[in-house]
Amino acid sequence: MGFVDGGFPHYGYYACIGKNLKMNPANFEVFANDMKIKGLGVYCNFPYVKLISNRFNEGDVVKITCKGDGCPLL
């Protein structure tokens, strides 16, 4: 159990921060409203998720899913 930090999968990795720091490869794809996006930016010290996509506007409501191995959202 911990916090997820990083930009995934576009940076190629993300980290789970808790009792132990664990770097993980980002071998998955991220989707917003069933449309593939470049990725997500998450920050353990801010309660925000940034969509790395030009398809949405600030304030849009989206459903985030992912497919592949090691997705931190599952």
C-alpha atoms as a PDB file:
ATOM      1  CA  MET A   1       0.000   0.000   0.000  1.00  0.00           C
ATOM      2  CA  GLY A   2       1.313   3.434  -0.879  1.00  0.00           C
ATOM      3  CA  PHE A   3       1.105   6.350  -3.275  1.00  0.00           C
ATOM      4  CA  VAL A   4       1.630   6.242  -7.036  1.00  0.00           C
ATOM      5  CA  ASP A   5       3.881   8.970  -8.466  1.00  0.00           C
ATOM      6  CA  GLY A   6       5.082   9.699 -11.989  1.00  0.00           C
ATOM      7  CA  GLY A   7       3.921   9.994 -15.551  1.00  0.00           C
ATOM      8  CA  PHE A   8       2.723   6.758 -17.048  1.00  0.00           C
ATOM      9  CA  PRO A   9       3.061   5.134 -19.421  1.00  0.00           C
ATOM     10  CA  HIS A  10       4.717   7.987 -21.399  1.00  0.00           C
ATOM     11  CA  TYR A  11       7.764   8.175 -19.079  1.00  0.00           C
ATOM     12  CA  GLY A  12       8.147   4.396 -19.272  1.00  0.00           C
ATOM     13  CA  TYR A  13       8.002   3.910 -15.486  1.00  0.00           C
ATOM     14  CA  TYR A  14       6.200   4.952 -12.323  1.00  0.00           C
ATOM     15  CA  ALA A  15       6.934   4.609  -8.613  1.00  0.00           C
ATOM     16  CA  CYS A  16       4.934   3.281  -5.697  1.00  0.00           C
ATOM     17  CA  ILE A  17       5.954   5.222  -2.631  1.00  0.00           C
ATOM     18  CA  GLY A  18       5.246   3.728   0.783  1.00  0.00           C
ATOM     19  CA  LYS A  19       7.345   1.758   3.253  1.00  0.00           C
ATOM     20  CA  ASN A  20       9.577   0.816   0.330  1.00  0.00           C
ATOM     21  CA  LEU A  21      10.089   2.707  -2.914  1.00  0.00           C
ATOM     22  CA  LYS A  22       9.382   0.460  -5.875  1.00  0.00           C
ATOM     23  CA  MET A  23      10.000   1.503  -9.469  1.00  0.00           C
ATOM     24  CA  ASN A  24       7.820  -0.296 -11.997  1.00  0.00           C
ATOM     25  CA  PRO A  25       7.913  -0.525 -15.782  1.00  0.00           C
ATOM     26  CA  ALA A  26       4.842   0.958 -17.448  1.00  0.00           C
ATOM     27  CA  ASN A  27       3.878  -1.851 -19.827  1.00  0.00           C
ATOM     28  CA  PHE A  28       0.279  -0.801 -20.382  1.00  0.00           C
ATOM     29  CA  GLU A  29      -1.931   1.680 -22.222  1.00  0.00           C
ATOM     30  CA  VAL A  30      -4.210   4.282 -20.617  1.00  0.00           C
ATOM     31  CA  PHE A  31      -7.689   5.188 -21.876  1.00  0.00           C
ATOM     32  CA  ALA A  32     -10.044   8.073 -21.055  1.00  0.00           C
ATOM     33  CA  ASN A  33     -13.674   7.398 -21.982  1.00  0.00           C
ATOM     34  CA  ASP A  34     -12.426   4.394 -24.012  1.00  0.00           C
ATOM     35  CA  MET A  35     -10.101   6.590 -26.133  1.00  0.00           C
ATOM     36  CA  LYS A  36      -6.366   5.855 -25.894  1.00  0.00           C
ATOM     37  CA  ILE A  37      -4.403   8.771 -24.452  1.00  0.00           C
ATOM     38  CA  LYS A  38      -0.674   9.346 -24.145  1.00  0.00           C
ATOM     39  CA  GLY A  39      -0.770   8.948 -20.376  1.00  0.00           C
ATOM     40  CA  LEU A  40      -1.448  10.315 -16.923  1.00  0.00           C
ATOM     41  CA  GLY A  41       0.593  12.590 -14.729  1.00  0.00           C
ATOM     42  CA  VAL A  42       0.155  11.969 -11.008  1.00  0.00           C
ATOM     43  CA  TYR A  43       1.801  13.730  -8.107  1.00  0.00           C
ATOM     44  CA  CYS A  44       1.897  12.220  -4.622  1.00  0.00           C
ATOM     45  CA  ASN A  45       1.829  15.668  -2.990  1.00  0.00           C
ATOM     46  CA  PHE A  46      -1.175  16.983  -4.978  1.00  0.00           C
ATOM     47  CA  PRO A  47      -4.709  15.521  -5.234  1.00  0.00           C
ATOM     48  CA  TYR A  48      -4.785  15.884  -9.031  1.00  0.00           C
ATOM     49  CA  VAL A  49      -4.460  13.668 -12.087  1.00  0.00           C
ATOM     50  CA  LYS A  50      -3.301  15.259 -15.334  1.00  0.00           C
ATOM     51  CA  LEU A  51      -4.460  13.726 -18.626  1.00  0.00           C
ATOM     52  CA  ILE A  52      -1.703  13.802 -21.224  1.00  0.00           C
ATOM     53  CA  SER A  53      -4.068  14.321 -24.148  1.00  0.00           C
ATOM     54  CA  ASN A  54      -5.519  17.139 -26.207  1.00  0.00           C
ATOM     55  CA  ARG A  55      -9.001  15.594 -26.444  1.00  0.00           C
ATOM     56  CA  PHE A  56     -10.409  16.913 -23.183  1.00  0.00           C
ATOM     57  CA  ASN A  57     -10.882  20.227 -21.408  1.00  0.00           C
ATOM     58  CA  GLU A  58     -10.384  21.141 -17.774  1.00  0.00           C
ATOM     59  CA  GLY A  59     -13.457  20.095 -15.820  1.00  0.00           C
ATOM     60  CA  ASP A  60     -14.503  17.283 -18.191  1.00  0.00           C
ATOM     61  CA  VAL A  61     -15.616  14.127 -16.426  1.00  0.00           C
ATOM     62  CA  VAL A  62     -13.830  11.042 -17.752  1.00  0.00           C
ATOM     63  CA  LYS A  63     -13.550   7.375 -16.874  1.00  0.00           C
ATOM     64  CA  ILE A  64      -9.899   6.253 -16.710  1.00  0.00           C
ATOM     65  CA  THR A  65      -9.044   2.636 -17.551  1.00  0.00           C
ATOM     66  CA  CYS A  66      -5.921   0.804 -18.603  1.00  0.00           C
ATOM     67  CA  LYS A  67      -4.965  -2.388 -20.374  1.00  0.00           C
ATOM     68  CA  GLY A  68      -1.747  -4.336 -20.032  1.00  0.00           C
ATOM     69  CA  ASP A  69       0.636  -5.576 -17.355  1.00  0.00           C
ATOM     70  CA  GLY A  70       1.274  -3.764 -14.103  1.00  0.00           C
ATOM     71  CA  CYS A  71      -1.308  -1.004 -14.325  1.00  0.00           C
ATOM     72  CA  PRO A  72      -1.360   0.884 -10.992  1.00  0.00           C
ATOM     73  CA  LEU A  73      -5.061   1.684 -11.466  1.00  0.00           C
ATOM     74  CA  LEU A  74      -6.165  -1.950 -11.057  1.00  0.00           C
END
